[in-house]
Amino acid sequence: MASRASMIMAQQGENESRRLELLRSAPMNSWLALSEDETRIVAIGKTFMEAEAIAKQSGETNFVITRTPDKWMSRALLPIR
């Protein structure tokens, strides 16, 4: 039987994967307003203010705004010694 901690960690990994898929589905170099739980895109804009205004106009009150990159590239983070 899996421990509660391992089940929570597995759920967090699934959430991160879904969020990454969501971000990759959005247009490059744009501002996104995501639902509070970050499971859906509620607005897309060319600027922060445009994404915010569209989200508010659509009735969203709690959302997260982020920006997509100009291009996706792989990164490896290594510990500094």
N, C-alpha and C. Protein backbone atom coordinates (compact mmCIF):
# COMPACT_ATOMS: atom_id res chain seq x y z
N MET A 1 0.84 -1.18 0.00
CA MET A 1 0.00 0.00 0.00
C MET A 1 0.88 1.25 0.00
N ALA A 2 0.59 2.18 -0.87
CA ALA A 2 1.39 3.41 -1.00
C ALA A 2 1.13 4.33 0.19
N SER A 3 2.19 5.02 0.60
CA SER A 3 2.03 5.96 1.70
C SER A 3 1.33 7.22 1.22
N ARG A 4 0.78 7.95 2.14
CA ARG A 4 0.09 9.21 1.81
C ARG A 4 1.06 10.18 1.12
N ALA A 5 2.29 10.25 1.62
CA ALA A 5 3.28 11.16 1.03
C ALA A 5 3.58 10.79 -0.41
N SER A 6 3.72 9.50 -0.71
CA SER A 6 4.01 9.10 -2.09
C SER A 6 2.82 9.35 -3.00
N MET A 7 1.60 9.23 -2.48
CA MET A 7 0.42 9.52 -3.29
C MET A 7 0.34 11.02 -3.59
N ILE A 8 0.67 11.85 -2.61
CA ILE A 8 0.65 13.30 -2.81
C ILE A 8 1.71 13.69 -3.84
N MET A 9 2.90 13.11 -3.73
CA MET A 9 3.97 13.41 -4.68
C MET A 9 3.59 12.99 -6.10
N ALA A 10 2.93 11.85 -6.23
CA ALA A 10 2.49 11.39 -7.54
C ALA A 10 1.46 12.35 -8.13
N GLN A 11 0.53 12.82 -7.29
CA GLN A 11 -0.49 13.78 -7.73
C GLN A 11 0.16 15.09 -8.18
N GLN A 12 1.16 15.56 -7.43
CA GLN A 12 1.85 16.79 -7.80
C GLN A 12 2.56 16.63 -9.14
N GLY A 13 3.15 15.48 -9.38
CA GLY A 13 3.81 15.21 -10.66
C GLY A 13 2.83 15.23 -11.81
N GLU A 14 1.65 14.65 -11.60
CA GLU A 14 0.61 14.67 -12.63
C GLU A 14 0.15 16.10 -12.90
N ASN A 15 -0.02 16.89 -11.85
CA ASN A 15 -0.44 18.29 -12.01
C ASN A 15 0.60 19.08 -12.79
N GLU A 16 1.88 18.86 -12.49
CA GLU A 16 2.96 19.56 -13.20
C GLU A 16 2.95 19.18 -14.68
N SER A 17 2.72 17.91 -14.98
CA SER A 17 2.68 17.46 -16.37
C SER A 17 1.53 18.11 -17.12
N ARG A 18 0.35 18.16 -16.49
CA ARG A 18 -0.81 18.80 -17.12
C ARG A 18 -0.57 20.29 -17.34
N ARG A 19 0.04 20.94 -16.37
CA ARG A 19 0.32 22.37 -16.49
C ARG A 19 1.29 22.63 -17.63
N LEU A 20 2.32 21.80 -17.76
CA LEU A 20 3.28 21.95 -18.84
C LEU A 20 2.61 21.76 -20.20
N GLU A 21 1.75 20.75 -20.32
CA GLU A 21 1.01 20.54 -21.57
C GLU A 21 0.16 21.76 -21.90
N LEU A 22 -0.49 22.32 -20.89
CA LEU A 22 -1.32 23.50 -21.07
C LEU A 22 -0.48 24.68 -21.58
N LEU A 23 0.66 24.91 -20.95
CA LEU A 23 1.53 26.01 -21.36
C LEU A 23 2.07 25.80 -22.78
N ARG A 24 2.42 24.57 -23.11
CA ARG A 24 2.95 24.28 -24.45
C ARG A 24 1.88 24.42 -25.53
N SER A 25 0.62 24.31 -25.16
CA SER A 25 -0.47 24.44 -26.14
C SER A 25 -0.77 25.90 -26.47
N ALA A 26 -0.27 26.82 -25.66
CA ALA A 26 -0.54 28.25 -25.84
C ALA A 26 0.42 28.85 -26.87
N PRO A 27 0.02 29.97 -27.47
CA PRO A 27 0.91 30.65 -28.42
C PRO A 27 2.21 31.10 -27.74
N MET A 28 3.29 31.04 -28.50
CA MET A 28 4.59 31.48 -27.99
C MET A 28 4.56 32.99 -27.77
N ASN A 29 5.38 33.45 -26.82
CA ASN A 29 5.56 34.87 -26.56
C ASN A 29 4.22 35.59 -26.30
N SER A 30 3.41 34.99 -25.45
CA SER A 30 2.13 35.60 -25.10
C SER A 30 1.93 35.54 -23.59
N TRP A 31 1.00 36.33 -23.12
CA TRP A 31 0.64 36.33 -21.70
C TRP A 31 -0.63 35.50 -21.53
N LEU A 32 -0.62 34.65 -20.51
CA LEU A 32 -1.75 33.77 -20.24
C LEU A 32 -2.32 34.05 -18.86
N ALA A 33 -3.62 34.01 -18.76
CA ALA A 33 -4.28 34.00 -17.46
C ALA A 33 -4.79 32.57 -17.28
N LEU A 34 -4.33 31.92 -16.24
CA LEU A 34 -4.74 30.55 -15.94
C LEU A 34 -5.74 30.56 -14.80
N SER A 35 -6.64 29.59 -14.80
CA SER A 35 -7.57 29.45 -13.69
C SER A 35 -6.79 29.30 -12.39
N GLU A 36 -7.44 29.58 -11.28
CA GLU A 36 -6.75 29.54 -9.98
C GLU A 36 -6.05 28.20 -9.73
N ASP A 37 -6.66 27.10 -10.18
CA ASP A 37 -6.04 25.79 -9.99
C ASP A 37 -5.09 25.43 -11.13
N GLU A 38 -4.91 26.36 -12.07
CA GLU A 38 -3.98 26.23 -13.19
C GLU A 38 -4.28 25.04 -14.10
N THR A 39 -5.57 24.73 -14.26
CA THR A 39 -5.95 23.60 -15.11
C THR A 39 -6.50 24.03 -16.47
N ARG A 40 -6.72 25.36 -16.64
CA ARG A 40 -7.23 25.84 -17.93
C ARG A 40 -6.79 27.27 -18.18
N ILE A 41 -6.70 27.60 -19.46
CA ILE A 41 -6.36 28.96 -19.86
C ILE A 41 -7.66 29.76 -19.92
N VAL A 42 -7.72 30.87 -19.21
CA VAL A 42 -8.94 31.68 -19.21
C VAL A 42 -8.80 32.92 -20.09
N ALA A 43 -7.55 33.30 -20.44
CA ALA A 43 -7.34 34.45 -21.32
C ALA A 43 -5.93 34.39 -21.90
N ILE A 44 -5.79 34.92 -23.10
CA ILE A 44 -4.49 35.05 -23.76
C ILE A 44 -4.40 36.48 -24.28
N GLY A 45 -3.27 37.12 -24.04
CA GLY A 45 -3.08 38.49 -24.51
C GLY A 45 -1.66 38.73 -24.98
N LYS A 46 -1.47 39.81 -25.72
CA LYS A 46 -0.13 40.19 -26.18
C LYS A 46 0.64 40.89 -25.06
N THR A 47 -0.10 41.43 -24.08
CA THR A 47 0.53 42.09 -22.93
C THR A 47 -0.10 41.55 -21.65
N PHE A 48 0.58 41.80 -20.54
CA PHE A 48 0.06 41.42 -19.23
C PHE A 48 -1.32 42.05 -19.02
N MET A 49 -1.40 43.36 -19.30
CA MET A 49 -2.65 44.08 -19.05
C MET A 49 -3.79 43.56 -19.92
N GLU A 50 -3.48 43.16 -21.16
CA GLU A 50 -4.52 42.62 -22.03
C GLU A 50 -5.04 41.28 -21.49
N ALA A 51 -4.14 40.41 -21.08
CA ALA A 51 -4.56 39.11 -20.52
C ALA A 51 -5.38 39.31 -19.26
N GLU A 52 -4.96 40.23 -18.42
CA GLU A 52 -5.69 40.52 -17.18
C GLU A 52 -7.09 41.05 -17.49
N ALA A 53 -7.20 41.99 -18.42
CA ALA A 53 -8.50 42.58 -18.76
C ALA A 53 -9.44 41.53 -19.34
N ILE A 54 -8.93 40.67 -20.22
CA ILE A 54 -9.77 39.63 -20.82
C ILE A 54 -10.25 38.65 -19.76
N ALA A 55 -9.36 38.28 -18.84
CA ALA A 55 -9.75 37.37 -17.76
C ALA A 55 -10.86 37.98 -16.91
N LYS A 56 -10.71 39.23 -16.56
CA LYS A 56 -11.73 39.90 -15.74
C LYS A 56 -13.05 40.03 -16.50
N GLN A 57 -12.97 40.35 -17.80
CA GLN A 57 -14.18 40.48 -18.62
C GLN A 57 -14.93 39.16 -18.74
N SER A 58 -14.17 38.05 -18.67
CA SER A 58 -14.81 36.73 -18.77
C SER A 58 -15.40 36.27 -17.44
N GLY A 59 -15.24 37.12 -16.39
CA GLY A 59 -15.84 36.80 -15.11
C GLY A 59 -14.92 36.12 -14.12
N GLU A 60 -13.68 35.92 -14.49
CA GLU A 60 -12.73 35.29 -13.57
C GLU A 60 -12.31 36.30 -12.50
N THR A 61 -12.24 35.85 -11.27
CA THR A 61 -11.83 36.73 -10.18
C THR A 61 -10.49 36.32 -9.59
N ASN A 62 -10.19 35.03 -9.61
CA ASN A 62 -8.92 34.52 -9.10
C ASN A 62 -8.22 33.78 -10.22
N PHE A 63 -7.11 34.33 -10.67
CA PHE A 63 -6.37 33.71 -11.76
C PHE A 63 -4.89 33.98 -11.58
N VAL A 64 -4.10 33.25 -12.33
CA VAL A 64 -2.64 33.36 -12.30
C VAL A 64 -2.21 33.82 -13.68
N ILE A 65 -1.33 34.83 -13.74
CA ILE A 65 -0.85 35.28 -15.04
C ILE A 65 0.62 34.89 -15.20
N THR A 66 0.92 34.36 -16.36
CA THR A 66 2.29 33.95 -16.69
C THR A 66 2.54 34.25 -18.16
N ARG A 67 3.78 34.15 -18.56
CA ARG A 67 4.15 34.43 -19.95
C ARG A 67 4.76 33.19 -20.55
N THR A 68 4.44 32.92 -21.81
CA THR A 68 5.08 31.81 -22.51
C THR A 68 6.38 32.31 -23.12
N PRO A 69 7.35 31.44 -23.29
CA PRO A 69 8.65 31.87 -23.83
C PRO A 69 8.59 32.13 -25.33
N ASP A 70 9.64 32.77 -25.84
CA ASP A 70 9.77 32.98 -27.28
C ASP A 70 9.93 31.65 -28.01
N LYS A 71 10.62 30.72 -27.35
CA LYS A 71 10.77 29.37 -27.89
C LYS A 71 11.03 28.42 -26.72
N TRP A 72 10.63 27.18 -26.90
CA TRP A 72 10.86 26.18 -25.87
C TRP A 72 12.23 25.57 -26.07
N MET A 73 12.97 25.43 -24.99
CA MET A 73 14.25 24.75 -25.08
C MET A 73 14.47 23.94 -23.81
N SER A 74 15.18 22.87 -23.98
CA SER A 74 15.46 22.00 -22.83
C SER A 74 16.50 22.65 -21.95
N ARG A 75 16.34 22.45 -20.66
CA ARG A 75 17.31 22.96 -19.70
C ARG A 75 17.59 21.89 -18.68
N ALA A 76 18.81 21.83 -18.28
CA ALA A 76 19.19 20.92 -17.21
C ALA A 76 19.75 21.76 -16.06
N LEU A 77 19.21 21.56 -14.90
CA LEU A 77 19.70 22.30 -13.75
C LEU A 77 20.59 21.37 -12.92
N LEU A 78 21.78 21.82 -12.67
CA LEU A 78 22.74 21.01 -11.92
C LEU A 78 23.10 21.74 -10.63
N PRO A 79 23.36 20.99 -9.60
CA PRO A 79 23.75 21.63 -8.35
C PRO A 79 25.11 22.35 -8.50
N ILE A 80 25.27 23.47 -7.82
CA ILE A 80 26.53 24.19 -7.83
C ILE A 80 27.35 23.67 -6.66
N ARG A 81 28.59 23.35 -6.95
CA ARG A 81 29.47 22.82 -5.88
C ARG A 81 30.57 23.77 -5.57
